[in-house]
PDB file of N, CA and C in Angstrom:
ATOM      1  N   MET A   1     -51.430-181.693  98.409  1.00  0.00           N
ATOM      2  CA  MET A   1     -52.570-181.480  99.278  1.00  0.00           C
ATOM      3  C   MET A   1     -53.727-182.361  98.838  1.00  0.00           C
ATOM      4  N   ALA A   2     -54.343-182.961  99.776  1.00  0.00           N
ATOM      5  CA  ALA A   2     -55.505-183.807  99.485  1.00  0.00           C
ATOM      6  C   ALA A   2     -56.756-182.941  99.472  1.00  0.00           C
ATOM      7  N   ALA A   3     -57.675-183.288  98.616  1.00  0.00           N
ATOM      8  CA  ALA A   3     -58.935-182.547  98.539  1.00  0.00           C
ATOM      9  C   ALA A   3     -59.789-182.880  99.751  1.00  0.00           C
ATOM     10  N   LYS A   4     -60.429-181.864 100.284  1.00  0.00           N
ATOM     11  CA  LYS A   4     -61.295-182.075 101.437  1.00  0.00           C
ATOM     12  C   LYS A   4     -62.648-182.593 100.972  1.00  0.00           C
ATOM     13  N   ALA A   5     -63.164-183.526 101.714  1.00  0.00           N
ATOM     14  CA  ALA A   5     -64.499-184.048 101.403  1.00  0.00           C
ATOM     15  C   ALA A   5     -65.527-183.068 101.968  1.00  0.00           C
ATOM     16  N   VAL A   6     -66.428-182.644 101.133  1.00  0.00           N
ATOM     17  CA  VAL A   6     -67.463-181.708 101.556  1.00  0.00           C
ATOM     18  C   VAL A   6     -68.700-182.510 101.899  1.00  0.00           C
ATOM     19  N   LYS A   7     -69.160-182.346 103.115  1.00  0.00           N
ATOM     20  CA  LYS A   7     -70.341-183.077 103.559  1.00  0.00           C
ATOM     21  C   LYS A   7     -71.559-182.188 103.384  1.00  0.00           C
ATOM     22  N   GLU A   8     -72.468-182.607 102.530  1.00  0.00           N
ATOM     23  CA  GLU A   8     -73.685-181.842 102.291  1.00  0.00           C
ATOM     24  C   GLU A   8     -74.844-182.543 102.977  1.00  0.00           C
ATOM     25  N   ALA A   9     -75.792-181.747 103.446  1.00  0.00           N
ATOM     26  CA  ALA A   9     -76.968-182.314 104.090  1.00  0.00           C
ATOM     27  C   ALA A   9     -77.880-182.911 103.031  1.00  0.00           C
ATOM     28  N   ALA A  10     -78.259-184.131 103.249  1.00  0.00           N
ATOM     29  CA  ALA A  10     -79.195-184.782 102.336  1.00  0.00           C
ATOM     30  C   ALA A  10     -80.580-184.168 102.543  1.00  0.00           C
ATOM     31  N   PRO A  11     -81.423-184.188 101.523  1.00  0.00           N
ATOM     32  CA  PRO A  11     -82.753-183.587 101.657  1.00  0.00           C
ATOM     33  C   PRO A  11     -83.571-184.148 102.819  1.00  0.00           C
ATOM     34  N   ASP A  12     -83.350-185.402 103.175  1.00  0.00           N
ATOM     35  CA  ASP A  12     -84.114-185.983 104.272  1.00  0.00           C
ATOM     36  C   ASP A  12     -83.496-185.681 105.634  1.00  0.00           C
ATOM     37  N   GLN A  13     -82.363-185.004 105.657  1.00  0.00           N
ATOM     38  CA  GLN A  13     -81.698-184.653 106.904  1.00  0.00           C
ATOM     39  C   GLN A  13     -81.753-183.138 107.104  1.00  0.00           C
ATOM     40  N   VAL A  14     -82.936-182.626 107.361  1.00  0.00           N
ATOM     41  CA  VAL A  14     -83.124-181.200 107.550  1.00  0.00           C
ATOM     42  C   VAL A  14     -82.805-180.856 109.003  1.00  0.00           C
ATOM     43  N   LEU A  15     -82.134-179.742 109.191  1.00  0.00           N
ATOM     44  CA  LEU A  15     -81.752-179.309 110.522  1.00  0.00           C
ATOM     45  C   LEU A  15     -82.979-178.888 111.315  1.00  0.00           C
ATOM     46  N   ARG A  16     -83.177-179.492 112.467  1.00  0.00           N
ATOM     47  CA  ARG A  16     -84.300-179.165 113.337  1.00  0.00           C
ATOM     48  C   ARG A  16     -83.742-178.759 114.698  1.00  0.00           C
ATOM     49  N   LYS A  17     -84.299-177.684 115.252  1.00  0.00           N
ATOM     50  CA  LYS A  17     -83.937-177.201 116.579  1.00  0.00           C
ATOM     51  C   LYS A  17     -85.221-176.860 117.314  1.00  0.00           C
ATOM     52  N   THR A  18     -85.103-176.622 118.601  1.00  0.00           N
ATOM     53  CA  THR A  18     -86.278-176.179 119.351  1.00  0.00           C
ATOM     54  C   THR A  18     -86.572-174.727 118.998  1.00  0.00           C
ATOM     55  N   ALA A  19     -87.808-174.324 119.235  1.00  0.00           N
ATOM     56  CA  ALA A  19     -88.194-172.939 118.971  1.00  0.00           C
ATOM     57  C   ALA A  19     -87.321-171.989 119.788  1.00  0.00           C
ATOM     58  N   GLU A  20     -86.994-172.394 121.002  1.00  0.00           N
ATOM     59  CA  GLU A  20     -86.144-171.560 121.856  1.00  0.00           C
ATOM     60  C   GLU A  20     -84.738-171.412 121.268  1.00  0.00           C
ATOM     61  N   ASP A  21     -84.200-172.477 120.713  1.00  0.00           N
ATOM     62  CA  ASP A  21     -82.872-172.412 120.090  1.00  0.00           C
ATOM     63  C   ASP A  21     -82.876-171.512 118.858  1.00  0.00           C
ATOM     64  N   TRP A  22     -83.937-171.610 118.034  1.00  0.00           N
ATOM     65  CA  TRP A  22     -84.038-170.727 116.863  1.00  0.00           C
ATOM     66  C   TRP A  22     -84.136-169.275 117.320  1.00  0.00           C
ATOM     67  N   ALA A  23     -84.890-169.022 118.385  1.00  0.00           N
ATOM     68  CA  ALA A  23     -85.033-167.650 118.883  1.00  0.00           C
ATOM     69  C   ALA A  23     -83.683-167.097 119.346  1.00  0.00           C
ATOM     70  N   ILE A  24     -82.897-167.911 120.000  1.00  0.00           N
ATOM     71  CA  ILE A  24     -81.567-167.477 120.442  1.00  0.00           C
ATOM     72  C   ILE A  24     -80.676-167.203 119.232  1.00  0.00           C
ATOM     73  N   ALA A  25     -80.686-168.112 118.281  1.00  0.00           N
ATOM     74  CA  ALA A  25     -79.834-167.970 117.095  1.00  0.00           C
ATOM     75  C   ALA A  25     -80.208-166.740 116.274  1.00  0.00           C
ATOM     76  N   LYS A  26     -81.490-166.404 116.242  1.00  0.00           N
ATOM     77  CA  LYS A  26     -81.968-165.279 115.435  1.00  0.00           C
ATOM     78  C   LYS A  26     -82.185-164.015 116.262  1.00  0.00           C
ATOM     79  N   GLN A  27     -81.833-164.055 117.529  1.00  0.00           N
ATOM     80  CA  GLN A  27     -81.933-162.922 118.456  1.00  0.00           C
ATOM     81  C   GLN A  27     -83.363-162.368 118.511  1.00  0.00           C
ATOM     82  N   VAL A  28     -84.328-163.279 118.656  1.00  0.00           N
ATOM     83  CA  VAL A  28     -85.736-162.906 118.778  1.00  0.00           C
ATOM     84  C   VAL A  28     -86.013-162.637 120.258  1.00  0.00           C
ATOM     85  N   PRO A  29     -86.612-161.475 120.582  1.00  0.00           N
ATOM     86  CA  PRO A  29     -86.930-161.190 121.991  1.00  0.00           C
ATOM     87  C   PRO A  29     -87.861-162.252 122.581  1.00  0.00           C
ATOM     88  N   GLY A  30     -87.720-162.484 123.872  1.00  0.00           N
ATOM     89  CA  GLY A  30     -88.502-163.508 124.565  1.00  0.00           C
ATOM     90  C   GLY A  30     -89.999-163.297 124.476  1.00  0.00           C
ATOM     91  N   VAL A  31     -90.450-162.041 124.519  1.00  0.00           N
ATOM     92  CA  VAL A  31     -91.887-161.789 124.441  1.00  0.00           C
ATOM     93  C   VAL A  31     -92.431-162.164 123.065  1.00  0.00           C
ATOM     94  N   TYR A  32     -91.640-161.968 122.015  1.00  0.00           N
ATOM     95  CA  TYR A  32     -92.062-162.378 120.672  1.00  0.00           C
ATOM     96  C   TYR A  32     -92.163-163.900 120.606  1.00  0.00           C
ATOM     97  N   LEU A  33     -91.164-164.583 121.159  1.00  0.00           N
ATOM     98  CA  LEU A  33     -91.174-166.041 121.155  1.00  0.00           C
ATOM     99  C   LEU A  33     -92.404-166.568 121.877  1.00  0.00           C
ATOM    100  N   GLU A  34     -92.704-166.020 123.026  1.00  0.00           N
ATOM    101  CA  GLU A  34     -93.878-166.473 123.777  1.00  0.00           C
ATOM    102  C   GLU A  34     -95.168-166.191 123.015  1.00  0.00           C
ATOM    103  N   GLY A  35     -95.230-165.078 122.318  1.00  0.00           N
ATOM    104  CA  GLY A  35     -96.399-164.770 121.498  1.00  0.00           C
ATOM    105  C   GLY A  35     -96.560-165.738 120.346  1.00  0.00           C
ATOM    106  N   VAL A  36     -95.465-166.079 119.696  1.00  0.00           N
ATOM    107  CA  VAL A  36     -95.502-167.053 118.597  1.00  0.00           C
ATOM    108  C   VAL A  36     -95.950-168.405 119.121  1.00  0.00           C
ATOM    109  N   LYS A  37     -95.396-168.828 120.254  1.00  0.00           N
ATOM    110  CA  LYS A  37     -95.759-170.125 120.826  1.00  0.00           C
ATOM    111  C   LYS A  37     -97.239-170.155 121.204  1.00  0.00           C
ATOM    112  N   GLN A  38     -97.752-169.075 121.753  1.00  0.00           N
ATOM    113  CA  GLN A  38     -99.163-169.002 122.118  1.00  0.00           C
ATOM    114  C   GLN A  38    -100.041-169.064 120.873  1.00  0.00           C
ATOM    115  N   ARG A  39     -99.690-168.276 119.882  1.00  0.00           N
ATOM    116  CA  ARG A  39    -100.487-168.209 118.650  1.00  0.00           C
ATOM    117  C   ARG A  39    -100.500-169.543 117.909  1.00  0.00           C
ATOM    118  N   GLN A  40     -99.359-170.238 117.891  1.00  0.00           N
ATOM    119  CA  GLN A  40     -99.249-171.512 117.173  1.00  0.00           C
ATOM    120  C   GLN A  40     -99.674-172.714 118.012  1.00  0.00           C
ATOM    121  N   GLY A  41     -99.804-172.521 119.322  1.00  0.00           N
ATOM    122  CA  GLY A  41    -100.154-173.639 120.200  1.00  0.00           C
ATOM    123  C   GLY A  41     -98.986-174.579 120.443  1.00  0.00           C
ATOM    124  N   TRP A  42     -97.773-174.039 120.411  1.00  0.00           N
ATOM    125  CA  TRP A  42     -96.568-174.839 120.606  1.00  0.00           C
ATOM    126  C   TRP A  42     -96.273-174.998 122.083  1.00  0.00           C
ATOM    127  N   ALA A  43     -95.846-176.193 122.471  1.00  0.00           N
ATOM    128  CA  ALA A  43     -95.384-176.439 123.829  1.00  0.00           C
ATOM    129  C   ALA A  43     -93.898-176.090 123.920  1.00  0.00           C
ATOM    130  N   LYS A  44     -93.379-176.112 125.126  1.00  0.00           N
ATOM    131  CA  LYS A  44     -91.960-175.859 125.329  1.00  0.00           C
ATOM    132  C   LYS A  44     -91.149-176.931 124.597  1.00  0.00           C
ATOM    133  N   ASN A  45     -90.035-176.529 124.010  1.00  0.00           N
ATOM    134  CA  ASN A  45     -89.110-177.419 123.289  1.00  0.00           C
ATOM    135  C   ASN A  45     -89.707-178.031 122.024  1.00  0.00           C
ATOM    136  N   LYS A  46     -90.582-177.326 121.358  1.00  0.00           N
ATOM    137  CA  LYS A  46     -91.151-177.772 120.090  1.00  0.00           C
ATOM    138  C   LYS A  46     -90.039-177.807 119.051  1.00  0.00           C
ATOM    139  N   MET A  47     -89.850-178.948 118.388  1.00  0.00           N
ATOM    140  CA  MET A  47     -88.813-179.099 117.373  1.00  0.00           C
ATOM    141  C   MET A  47     -89.332-178.596 116.031  1.00  0.00           C
ATOM    142  N   LEU A  48     -88.544-177.713 115.384  1.00  0.00           N
ATOM    143  CA  LEU A  48     -88.954-177.082 114.140  1.00  0.00           C
ATOM    144  C   LEU A  48     -87.800-176.990 113.158  1.00  0.00           C
ATOM    145  N   GLU A  49     -88.166-176.881 111.897  1.00  0.00           N
ATOM    146  CA  GLU A  49     -87.191-176.517 110.879  1.00  0.00           C
ATOM    147  C   GLU A  49     -87.108-174.995 110.868  1.00  0.00           C
ATOM    148  N   GLU A  50     -86.034-174.471 110.313  1.00  0.00           N
ATOM    149  CA  GLU A  50     -85.826-173.027 110.308  1.00  0.00           C
ATOM    150  C   GLU A  50     -86.953-172.286 109.581  1.00  0.00           C
ATOM    151  N   ASN A  51     -87.380-172.810 108.440  1.00  0.00           N
ATOM    152  CA  ASN A  51     -88.418-172.113 107.683  1.00  0.00           C
ATOM    153  C   ASN A  51     -89.757-172.120 108.420  1.00  0.00           C
ATOM    154  N   GLU A  52     -90.067-173.172 109.181  1.00  0.00           N
ATOM    155  CA  GLU A  52     -91.298-173.201 109.978  1.00  0.00           C
ATOM    156  C   GLU A  52     -91.288-172.092 111.030  1.00  0.00           C
ATOM    157  N   PHE A  53     -90.132-171.926 111.681  1.00  0.00           N
ATOM    158  CA  PHE A  53     -90.006-170.886 112.692  1.00  0.00           C
ATOM    159  C   PHE A  53     -90.132-169.505 112.061  1.00  0.00           C
ATOM    160  N   ASP A  54     -89.477-169.305 110.924  1.00  0.00           N
ATOM    161  CA  ASP A  54     -89.509-168.004 110.255  1.00  0.00           C
ATOM    162  C   ASP A  54     -90.927-167.618 109.831  1.00  0.00           C
ATOM    163  N   VAL A  55     -91.666-168.569 109.280  1.00  0.00           N
ATOM    164  CA  VAL A  55     -93.042-168.294 108.840  1.00  0.00           C
ATOM    165  C   VAL A  55     -93.929-167.952 110.040  1.00  0.00           C
ATOM    166  N   ALA A  56     -93.810-168.710 111.109  1.00  0.00           N
ATOM    167  CA  ALA A  56     -94.628-168.454 112.303  1.00  0.00           C
ATOM    168  C   ALA A  56     -94.299-167.089 112.909  1.00  0.00           C
ATOM    169  N   LEU A  57     -93.029-166.740 112.957  1.00  0.00           N
ATOM    170  CA  LEU A  57     -92.634-165.438 113.489  1.00  0.00           C
ATOM    171  C   LEU A  57     -93.159-164.309 112.614  1.00  0.00           C
ATOM    172  N   ARG A  58     -93.032-164.452 111.310  1.00  0.00           N
ATOM    173  CA  ARG A  58     -93.520-163.435 110.376  1.00  0.00           C
ATOM    174  C   ARG A  58     -95.037-163.249 110.521  1.00  0.00           C
ATOM    175  N   GLU A  59     -95.783-164.346 110.623  1.00  0.00           N
ATOM    176  CA  GLU A  59     -97.237-164.266 110.798  1.00  0.00           C
ATOM    177  C   GLU A  59     -97.587-163.572 112.104  1.00  0.00           C
ATOM    178  N   PHE A  60     -96.852-163.879 113.165  1.00  0.00           N
ATOM    179  CA  PHE A  60     -97.099-163.246 114.461  1.00  0.00           C
ATOM    180  C   PHE A  60     -96.858-161.745 114.387  1.00  0.00           C
ATOM    181  N   LEU A  61     -95.778-161.348 113.756  1.00  0.00           N
ATOM    182  CA  LEU A  61     -95.441-159.926 113.695  1.00  0.00           C
ATOM    183  C   LEU A  61     -96.398-159.136 112.812  1.00  0.00           C
ATOM    184  N   LYS A  62     -97.024-159.782 111.834  1.00  0.00           N
ATOM    185  CA  LYS A  62     -97.965-159.095 110.950  1.00  0.00           C
ATOM    186  C   LYS A  62     -99.402-159.148 111.449  1.00  0.00           C
ATOM    187  N   ALA A  63     -99.683-159.961 112.465  1.00  0.00           N
ATOM    188  CA  ALA A  63    -101.053-160.132 112.962  1.00  0.00           C
ATOM    189  C   ALA A  63    -101.509-158.920 113.767  1.00  0.00           C
ATOM    190  N   ALA A  64    -102.818-158.733 113.837  1.00  0.00           N
ATOM    191  CA  ALA A  64    -103.385-157.661 114.643  1.00  0.00           C
ATOM    192  C   ALA A  64    -103.201-157.996 116.129  1.00  0.00           C
ATOM    193  N   ALA A  65    -102.975-156.975 116.928  1.00  0.00           N
ATOM    194  CA  ALA A  65    -102.703-157.171 118.355  1.00  0.00           C
ATOM    195  C   ALA A  65    -103.901-157.748 119.112  1.00  0.00           C
ATOM    196  N   ASP A  66    -105.108-157.424 118.653  1.00  0.00           N
ATOM    197  CA  ASP A  66    -106.284-157.892 119.379  1.00  0.00           C
ATOM    198  C   ASP A  66    -106.840-159.207 118.834  1.00  0.00           C
ATOM    199  N   GLY A  67    -106.141-159.832 117.900  1.00  0.00           N
ATOM    200  CA  GLY A  67    -106.532-161.134 117.397  1.00  0.00           C
ATOM    201  C   GLY A  67    -107.515-161.101 116.242  1.00  0.00           C
ATOM    202  N   ARG A  68    -107.976-159.936 115.840  1.00  0.00           N
ATOM    203  CA  ARG A  68    -108.942-159.881 114.741  1.00  0.00           C
ATOM    204  C   ARG A  68    -108.235-160.149 113.419  1.00  0.00           C
ATOM    205  N   THR A  69    -108.996-160.549 112.414  1.00  0.00           N
ATOM    206  CA  THR A  69    -108.410-160.803 111.110  1.00  0.00           C
ATOM    207  C   THR A  69    -108.410-159.512 110.310  1.00  0.00           C
ATOM    208  N   ARG A  70    -107.438-159.392 109.465  1.00  0.00           N
ATOM    209  CA  ARG A  70    -107.322-158.169 108.665  1.00  0.00           C
ATOM    210  C   ARG A  70    -107.997-158.316 107.346  1.00  0.00           C
TER     211      ARG A  70
END
């Protein structure tokens, strides 16, 4: 048996998807996605890394509903 070549992502080749694709992959409700996009000022099809999306979603979920700072 020949050894399989394992292809690893180089540090400069980070996986980027649209915010909508990350929301689908992570099963984020549409209203949450729209709230995150509004809060961050993102347009439709904004390309992001996974950690950028996760941080923005976490900030949105922890923010006050009326926009005030805690």
